[in-house]
Each structure stands twice: as C-alpha cells, then as structure tokens.
C-alpha atoms as a PDB file:
ATOM      1  CA  UNK A   1    -116.577 -16.259  97.011  1.00  0.00           C
ATOM      2  CA  UNK A   2    -114.911 -15.019 100.151  1.00  0.00           C
ATOM      3  CA  UNK A   3    -111.598 -16.224  98.835  1.00  0.00           C
ATOM      4  CA  UNK A   4    -111.951 -14.099  95.707  1.00  0.00           C
ATOM      5  CA  UNK A   5    -112.804 -11.052  97.804  1.00  0.00           C
ATOM      6  CA  UNK A   6    -109.683 -11.605  99.936  1.00  0.00           C
ATOM      7  CA  UNK A   7    -107.519 -11.883  96.847  1.00  0.00           C
ATOM      8  CA  UNK A   8    -108.892  -8.658  95.352  1.00  0.00           C
ATOM      9  CA  UNK A   9    -108.456  -6.839  98.663  1.00  0.00           C
ATOM     10  CA  UNK A  10    -104.855  -8.058  98.897  1.00  0.00           C
ATOM     11  CA  UNK A  11    -104.076  -6.844  95.388  1.00  0.00           C
ATOM     12  CA  UNK A  12    -105.585  -3.451  96.152  1.00  0.00           C
ATOM     13  CA  UNK A  13    -103.523  -3.222  99.316  1.00  0.00           C
ATOM     14  CA  UNK A  14    -100.287  -4.078  97.521  1.00  0.00           C
ATOM     15  CA  UNK A  15    -101.070  -1.570  94.770  1.00  0.00           C
ATOM     16  CA  UNK A  16    -101.740   1.134  97.362  1.00  0.00           C
ATOM     17  CA  UNK A  17     -98.484   0.395  99.154  1.00  0.00           C
ATOM     18  CA  UNK A  18     -96.500   0.562  95.905  1.00  0.00           C
ATOM     19  CA  UNK A  19     -98.165   3.829  94.957  1.00  0.00           C
ATOM     20  CA  UNK A  20     -97.441   5.356  98.347  1.00  0.00           C
ATOM     21  CA  UNK A  21     -93.827   4.198  98.198  1.00  0.00           C
ATOM     22  CA  UNK A  22     -93.412   5.693  94.720  1.00  0.00           C
ATOM     23  CA  UNK A  23     -94.977   8.974  95.799  1.00  0.00           C
ATOM     24  CA  UNK A  24     -92.739   9.099  98.837  1.00  0.00           C
ATOM     25  CA  UNK A  25     -89.703   8.462  96.699  1.00  0.00           C
ATOM     26  CA  UNK A  26     -90.778  11.263  94.356  1.00  0.00           C
ATOM     27  CA  UNK A  27     -91.224  13.614  97.263  1.00  0.00           C
ATOM     28  CA  UNK A  28     -87.717  12.848  98.512  1.00  0.00           C
ATOM     29  CA  UNK A  29     -86.022  14.247  95.370  1.00  0.00           C
ATOM     30  CA  UNK A  30     -83.516  16.757  96.623  1.00  0.00           C
ATOM     31  CA  UNK A  31     -83.333  20.322  95.296  1.00  0.00           C
ATOM     32  CA  UNK A  32     -79.799  21.165  94.157  1.00  0.00           C
ATOM     33  CA  UNK A  33     -78.449  24.507  92.922  1.00  0.00           C
ATOM     34  CA  UNK A  34     -76.872  23.705  89.571  1.00  0.00           C
ATOM     35  CA  UNK A  35     -74.266  26.295  88.493  1.00  0.00           C
ATOM     36  CA  UNK A  36     -71.155  26.528  86.351  1.00  0.00           C
ATOM     37  CA  UNK A  37     -69.270  28.143  83.504  1.00  0.00           C
ATOM     38  CA  UNK A  38     -69.625  27.218  79.841  1.00  0.00           C
ATOM     39  CA  UNK A  39     -66.538  27.767  77.692  1.00  0.00           C
ATOM     40  CA  UNK A  40     -65.702  27.181  74.045  1.00  0.00           C
ATOM     41  CA  UNK A  41     -63.614  24.098  73.401  1.00  0.00           C
ATOM     42  CA  UNK A  42     -60.357  24.045  75.374  1.00  0.00           C
ATOM     43  CA  UNK A  43     -60.225  27.821  75.827  1.00  0.00           C
ATOM     44  CA  UNK A  44     -61.036  29.724  78.999  1.00  0.00           C
ATOM     45  CA  UNK A  45     -63.362  32.226  77.332  1.00  0.00           C
ATOM     46  CA  UNK A  46     -66.982  31.990  78.454  1.00  0.00           C
ATOM     47  CA  UNK A  47     -69.787  31.686  75.921  1.00  0.00           C
ATOM     48  CA  UNK A  48     -72.721  34.012  76.470  1.00  0.00           C
ATOM     49  CA  UNK A  49     -76.314  33.267  75.499  1.00  0.00           C
ATOM     50  CA  UNK A  50     -76.130  29.491  76.020  1.00  0.00           C
ATOM     51  CA  UNK A  51     -79.476  27.883  76.939  1.00  0.00           C
ATOM     52  CA  UNK A  52     -79.407  25.651  80.033  1.00  0.00           C
ATOM     53  CA  UNK A  53     -82.796  23.909  80.032  1.00  0.00           C
ATOM     54  CA  UNK A  54     -84.592  21.073  81.841  1.00  0.00           C
ATOM     55  CA  UNK A  55     -87.177  19.788  79.318  1.00  0.00           C
ATOM     56  CA  UNK A  56     -89.103  17.642  81.821  1.00  0.00           C
ATOM     57  CA  UNK A  57     -89.627  20.495  84.284  1.00  0.00           C
ATOM     58  CA  UNK A  58     -89.987  23.231  81.662  1.00  0.00           C
ATOM     59  CA  UNK A  59     -87.503  25.588  83.310  1.00  0.00           C
ATOM     60  CA  UNK A  60     -84.120  26.929  82.360  1.00  0.00           C
ATOM     61  CA  UNK A  61     -81.760  29.892  82.186  1.00  0.00           C
ATOM     62  CA  UNK A  62     -79.209  31.584  79.914  1.00  0.00           C
ATOM     63  CA  UNK A  63     -75.510  32.215  80.531  1.00  0.00           C
ATOM     64  CA  UNK A  64     -74.318  35.777  81.104  1.00  0.00           C
ATOM     65  CA  UNK A  65     -71.513  37.592  79.298  1.00  0.00           C
ATOM     66  CA  UNK A  66     -68.893  35.553  81.176  1.00  0.00           C
ATOM     67  CA  UNK A  67     -70.563  32.197  80.435  1.00  0.00           C
ATOM     68  CA  UNK A  68     -71.823  31.760  84.008  1.00  0.00           C
ATOM     69  CA  UNK A  69     -75.231  30.319  84.951  1.00  0.00           C
ATOM     70  CA  UNK A  70     -77.098  29.186  88.066  1.00  0.00           C
ATOM     71  CA  UNK A  71     -80.504  27.536  88.443  1.00  0.00           C
ATOM     72  CA  UNK A  72     -82.412  25.203  90.829  1.00  0.00           C
ATOM     73  CA  UNK A  73     -82.719  21.558  89.768  1.00  0.00           C
ATOM     74  CA  UNK A  74     -83.733  18.216  91.217  1.00  0.00           C
ATOM     75  CA  UNK A  75     -81.663  15.083  91.554  1.00  0.00           C
ATOM     76  CA  UNK A  76     -82.064  13.026  88.390  1.00  0.00           C
ATOM     77  CA  UNK A  77     -83.056  15.921  86.134  1.00  0.00           C
ATOM     78  CA  UNK A  78     -81.675  15.802  82.590  1.00  0.00           C
ATOM     79  CA  UNK A  79     -80.201  19.198  81.656  1.00  0.00           C
ATOM     80  CA  UNK A  80     -79.792  20.172  78.008  1.00  0.00           C
ATOM     81  CA  UNK A  81     -77.105  22.770  77.142  1.00  0.00           C
ATOM     82  CA  UNK A  82     -77.459  24.188  73.638  1.00  0.00           C
ATOM     83  CA  UNK A  83     -76.375  27.204  71.610  1.00  0.00           C
ATOM     84  CA  UNK A  84     -76.324  28.167  67.961  1.00  0.00           C
ATOM     85  CA  UNK A  85     -73.136  26.957  66.287  1.00  0.00           C
ATOM     86  CA  UNK A  86     -72.275  24.443  69.021  1.00  0.00           C
ATOM     87  CA  UNK A  87     -73.045  20.778  69.617  1.00  0.00           C
ATOM     88  CA  UNK A  88     -75.821  20.071  72.127  1.00  0.00           C
ATOM     89  CA  UNK A  89     -74.616  18.761  75.485  1.00  0.00           C
ATOM     90  CA  UNK A  90     -76.705  16.729  77.942  1.00  0.00           C
ATOM     91  CA  UNK A  91     -76.061  15.735  81.542  1.00  0.00           C
ATOM     92  CA  UNK A  92     -77.948  14.286  84.530  1.00  0.00           C
ATOM     93  CA  UNK A  93     -77.898  15.916  87.950  1.00  0.00           C
ATOM     94  CA  UNK A  94     -76.305  13.364  90.319  1.00  0.00           C
ATOM     95  CA  UNK A  95     -77.233  12.689  93.929  1.00  0.00           C
ATOM     96  CA  UNK A  96     -75.028  14.691  96.287  1.00  0.00           C
ATOM     97  CA  UNK A  97     -74.617  15.220 100.006  1.00  0.00           C
ATOM     98  CA  UNK A  98     -74.603  19.018  99.735  1.00  0.00           C
ATOM     99  CA  UNK A  99     -77.136  21.248  98.025  1.00  0.00           C
ATOM    100  CA  UNK A 100     -74.869  22.600  95.247  1.00  0.00           C
ATOM    101  CA  UNK A 101     -73.392  21.167  92.070  1.00  0.00           C
ATOM    102  CA  UNK A 102     -70.912  23.200  89.973  1.00  0.00           C
ATOM    103  CA  UNK A 103     -69.418  22.205  86.647  1.00  0.00           C
ATOM    104  CA  UNK A 104     -67.307  23.569  83.814  1.00  0.00           C
ATOM    105  CA  UNK A 105     -68.704  22.565  80.422  1.00  0.00           C
ATOM    106  CA  UNK A 106     -66.713  22.679  77.181  1.00  0.00           C
ATOM    107  CA  UNK A 107     -68.920  23.189  74.162  1.00  0.00           C
ATOM    108  CA  UNK A 108     -67.664  21.863  70.845  1.00  0.00           C
ATOM    109  CA  UNK A 109     -68.117  23.930  67.703  1.00  0.00           C
ATOM    110  CA  UNK A 110     -70.490  22.288  65.243  1.00  0.00           C
ATOM    111  CA  UNK A 111     -69.284  22.626  61.659  1.00  0.00           C
ATOM    112  CA  UNK A 112     -71.964  22.298  59.000  1.00  0.00           C
ATOM    113  CA  UNK A 113     -70.851  21.604  55.442  1.00  0.00           C
ATOM    114  CA  UNK A 114     -73.310  22.916  52.887  1.00  0.00           C
ATOM    115  CA  UNK A 115     -73.643  21.312  49.460  1.00  0.00           C
ATOM    116  CA  UNK A 116     -71.872  22.965  46.571  1.00  0.00           C
ATOM    117  CA  UNK A 117     -73.932  25.518  44.683  1.00  0.00           C
ATOM    118  CA  UNK A 118     -72.911  26.334  41.114  1.00  0.00           C
ATOM    119  CA  UNK A 119     -74.127  29.720  39.870  1.00  0.00           C
ATOM    120  CA  UNK A 120     -74.519  30.070  36.112  1.00  0.00           C
ATOM    121  CA  UNK A 121     -75.434  33.214  34.160  1.00  0.00           C
ATOM    122  CA  UNK A 122     -78.056  31.284  32.174  1.00  0.00           C
ATOM    123  CA  UNK A 123     -80.778  29.062  33.618  1.00  0.00           C
ATOM    124  CA  UNK A 124     -80.610  26.510  30.789  1.00  0.00           C
ATOM    125  CA  UNK A 125     -78.064  25.254  28.267  1.00  0.00           C
ATOM    126  CA  UNK A 126     -80.281  26.287  25.340  1.00  0.00           C
ATOM    127  CA  UNK A 127     -80.309  29.933  26.448  1.00  0.00           C
ATOM    128  CA  UNK A 128     -76.521  29.845  26.801  1.00  0.00           C
ATOM    129  CA  UNK A 129     -76.123  28.550  23.240  1.00  0.00           C
ATOM    130  CA  UNK A 130     -78.446  31.233  21.892  1.00  0.00           C
ATOM    131  CA  UNK A 131     -76.560  33.983  23.700  1.00  0.00           C
ATOM    132  CA  UNK A 132     -73.210  32.610  22.546  1.00  0.00           C
ATOM    133  CA  UNK A 133     -74.331  32.504  18.908  1.00  0.00           C
ATOM    134  CA  UNK A 134     -75.726  36.034  19.120  1.00  0.00           C
ATOM    135  CA  UNK A 135     -72.522  37.375  20.674  1.00  0.00           C
ATOM    136  CA  UNK A 136     -70.998  40.248  18.683  1.00  0.00           C
ATOM    137  CA  UNK A 137     -67.221  40.580  18.846  1.00  0.00           C
ATOM    138  CA  UNK A 138     -65.575  44.037  18.600  1.00  0.00           C
ATOM    139  CA  UNK A 139     -64.327  45.057  15.164  1.00  0.00           C
ATOM    140  CA  UNK A 140     -60.697  45.322  14.103  1.00  0.00           C
ATOM    141  CA  UNK A 141     -60.523  49.078  14.720  1.00  0.00           C
ATOM    142  CA  UNK A 142     -61.400  48.666  18.384  1.00  0.00           C
ATOM    143  CA  UNK A 143     -58.713  45.988  18.751  1.00  0.00           C
ATOM    144  CA  UNK A 144     -56.121  48.330  17.244  1.00  0.00           C
ATOM    145  CA  UNK A 145     -57.156  51.139  19.596  1.00  0.00           C
ATOM    146  CA  UNK A 146     -56.823  48.811  22.575  1.00  0.00           C
ATOM    147  CA  UNK A 147     -53.365  47.705  21.458  1.00  0.00           C
ATOM    148  CA  UNK A 148     -52.208  51.322  21.080  1.00  0.00           C
ATOM    149  CA  UNK A 149     -53.603  52.345  24.458  1.00  0.00           C
ATOM    150  CA  UNK A 150     -52.028  49.369  26.192  1.00  0.00           C
ATOM    151  CA  UNK A 151     -48.607  49.669  24.568  1.00  0.00           C
ATOM    152  CA  UNK A 152     -45.721  49.547  27.047  1.00  0.00           C
ATOM    153  CA  UNK A 153     -44.136  52.829  25.914  1.00  0.00           C
ATOM    154  CA  UNK A 154     -47.436  54.662  26.162  1.00  0.00           C
ATOM    155  CA  UNK A 155     -48.078  53.305  29.661  1.00  0.00           C
ATOM    156  CA  UNK A 156     -44.579  54.405  30.755  1.00  0.00           C
ATOM    157  CA  UNK A 157     -45.130  57.943  29.445  1.00  0.00           C
ATOM    158  CA  UNK A 158     -48.532  58.118  31.118  1.00  0.00           C
ATOM    159  CA  UNK A 159     -47.122  56.949  34.458  1.00  0.00           C
ATOM    160  CA  UNK A 160     -44.301  59.534  34.259  1.00  0.00           C
ATOM    161  CA  UNK A 161     -46.761  62.358  33.532  1.00  0.00           C
ATOM    162  CA  UNK A 162     -49.186  61.431  36.278  1.00  0.00           C
ATOM    163  CA  UNK A 163     -49.249  63.748  39.311  1.00  0.00           C
ATOM    164  CA  UNK A 164     -48.383  62.478  42.735  1.00  0.00           C
ATOM    165  CA  UNK A 165     -51.152  60.741  44.615  1.00  0.00           C
ATOM    166  CA  UNK A 166     -51.905  61.012  48.313  1.00  0.00           C
ATOM    167  CA  UNK A 167     -49.277  58.437  49.275  1.00  0.00           C
ATOM    168  CA  UNK A 168     -46.468  60.189  47.377  1.00  0.00           C
ATOM    169  CA  UNK A 169     -47.507  63.597  48.700  1.00  0.00           C
ATOM    170  CA  UNK A 170     -47.444  62.267  52.231  1.00  0.00           C
ATOM    171  CA  UNK A 171     -44.007  60.712  51.684  1.00  0.00           C
ATOM    172  CA  UNK A 172     -42.653  63.982  50.255  1.00  0.00           C
ATOM    173  CA  UNK A 173     -44.083  65.921  53.195  1.00  0.00           C
ATOM    174  CA  UNK A 174     -42.535  63.528  55.707  1.00  0.00           C
ATOM    175  CA  UNK A 175     -39.115  63.677  54.003  1.00  0.00           C
ATOM    176  CA  UNK A 176     -39.211  67.485  53.974  1.00  0.00           C
ATOM    177  CA  UNK A 177     -40.232  67.576  57.634  1.00  0.00           C
ATOM    178  CA  UNK A 178     -37.451  65.164  58.604  1.00  0.00           C
ATOM    179  CA  UNK A 179     -34.816  67.196  56.718  1.00  0.00           C
ATOM    180  CA  UNK A 180     -36.060  70.420  58.318  1.00  0.00           C
ATOM    181  CA  UNK A 181     -35.868  68.914  61.804  1.00  0.00           C
ATOM    182  CA  UNK A 182     -32.386  67.508  61.116  1.00  0.00           C
ATOM    183  CA  UNK A 183     -31.037  70.896  59.926  1.00  0.00           C
ATOM    184  CA  UNK A 184     -32.825  73.123  62.427  1.00  0.00           C
ATOM    185  CA  UNK A 185     -29.635  73.657  64.497  1.00  0.00           C
ATOM    186  CA  UNK A 186     -27.482  74.626  61.483  1.00  0.00           C
ATOM    187  CA  UNK A 187     -27.298  78.186  60.187  1.00  0.00           C
ATOM    188  CA  UNK A 188     -27.716  78.795  56.464  1.00  0.00           C
ATOM    189  CA  UNK A 189     -24.437  79.970  54.916  1.00  0.00           C
ATOM    190  CA  UNK A 190     -24.187  82.728  52.248  1.00  0.00           C
ATOM    191  CA  UNK A 191     -21.295  82.580  49.731  1.00  0.00           C
ATOM    192  CA  UNK A 192     -20.917  86.415  49.851  1.00  0.00           C
ATOM    193  CA  UNK A 193     -19.957  86.236  53.537  1.00  0.00           C
ATOM    194  CA  UNK A 194     -17.519  83.353  53.070  1.00  0.00           C
ATOM    195  CA  UNK A 195     -13.866  84.613  52.991  1.00  0.00           C
ATOM    196  CA  UNK A 196     -12.659  81.389  51.388  1.00  0.00           C
ATOM    197  CA  UNK A 197     -15.081  81.913  48.520  1.00  0.00           C
ATOM    198  CA  UNK A 198     -13.763  85.496  48.029  1.00  0.00           C
ATOM    199  CA  UNK A 199     -10.166  84.202  47.985  1.00  0.00           C
ATOM    200  CA  UNK A 200     -11.004  81.643  45.295  1.00  0.00           C
ATOM    201  CA  UNK A 201     -12.787  84.344  43.290  1.00  0.00           C
ATOM    202  CA  UNK A 202      -9.745  86.692  43.396  1.00  0.00           C
ATOM    203  CA  UNK A 203      -7.393  83.887  42.374  1.00  0.00           C
ATOM    204  CA  UNK A 204      -9.601  83.034  39.427  1.00  0.00           C
ATOM    205  CA  UNK A 205      -9.463  86.696  38.280  1.00  0.00           C
ATOM    206  CA  UNK A 206      -5.673  86.694  38.503  1.00  0.00           C
ATOM    207  CA  UNK A 207      -5.508  83.502  36.488  1.00  0.00           C
ATOM    208  CA  UNK A 208      -7.730  85.021  33.830  1.00  0.00           C
ATOM    209  CA  UNK A 209     -10.463  82.453  34.110  1.00  0.00           C
ATOM    210  CA  UNK A 210     -13.140  85.029  33.243  1.00  0.00           C
ATOM    211  CA  UNK A 211     -11.309  86.075  30.066  1.00  0.00           C
ATOM    212  CA  UNK A 212     -10.978  82.459  29.003  1.00  0.00           C
ATOM    213  CA  UNK A 213     -14.738  81.955  29.394  1.00  0.00           C
ATOM    214  CA  UNK A 214     -15.469  85.077  27.317  1.00  0.00           C
ATOM    215  CA  UNK A 215     -13.136  83.929  24.553  1.00  0.00           C
ATOM    216  CA  UNK A 216     -14.735  80.508  24.565  1.00  0.00           C
END
C-alpha cells in the first residue's frame, strides 16, 4: 500500500515539474518588434492595405500608403500576410539576439480564371426557333431604298456637301493663324503704287492689247 502511494506521489511530482518547466518556457518567449515593407512582385512599389495578422494571438496591423508596417510579436508566432488580389504569405518569427526583426516581403499577384459564360438572347432553343420562324424580313422596296442611299456616288456627293466639323474648323483656324504670323513683318503691296505694273500697263496700251480684246 505504501509502495503505491509513493508511486502516485512520484508521478504527481514529475507532472508538476514538467508543468512548471513548460510554463517557464512559455514565459521566456521574447517580444520582438516585427516591421518591414510589402511590395508587389519584383517591383519597389509598396502595397497599401495589406493585413499583417497573428491568428493565434488575435492581433495585427495594416500597411500604410508606402507598404510599411510595424507590430509587436513573440518568438515563434506565425504571421499571415494577406491582401485582396494577392497570394497569402506566411512566416514564423525567428529567435533573435536583438529585439527587432525587419523584412521585405514580395507579394505575388493571384490570377483567378473564371469559367466561360455564354450569353444568349433566348433562354431556350425552342424560344429561339419560334422567334426565328416569326421573323419578318423587310420588303423589296426597303432594300431598294437602302441600296440607293448607300450608293458610292451618293455618299461622295453627301461627303462633299457636308460642312466642316470641329476638327476641320480648328485646322483651318490654325493654318490661318500660322500664315498671319509668318506674314506679319511684310507690308501688303498695292498694284496702283507699283511703278513696274504701270510700265507694263502703258506698254500693253501701245501694243494695242486692249483693242485686240475688244475685237475678240
């Protein structure tokens, strides 16, 4: 009987020692400041709004507009990094000598391929057949009118008679402005003040050019 009591007491003592050792080990988990920058793929642009979360502890944070984050963690914590449109990334906080751990995480874009969706105007094949049978084609007169309206000669005449649109008006305005600026340093000449023009006019009178035109 005494032997059984000693055995039970020994087991209880060993269990207590193991529990105390485990509790001590849990209490020795070091607090580390986990920080870093999350970028997209191989680029250097930070991703904002990424969730950095420790599920076991129920705490986390979100990256700022530059993709930076900082939060307290414990050694051995599993950190989940997730964002909409990107693959989820997981990592474990390692044991370190200092109290800080900084990383640069590259998130990979997650491409989701959706199944093909075919949109039909009719929900069933029977309704399509009924609509096709009940379809009324335009009469011959409407076809002739369409052919006349779409004739090449008629389209050419219509395009020639159309007024200028905004693009052509703008182009005409720019050409006029450019010509005005190019000729702004040149004076406008009048034929009445040109002595060479008067000399040609007198010679034409002597030759009788005006009489020849009247006789013609």
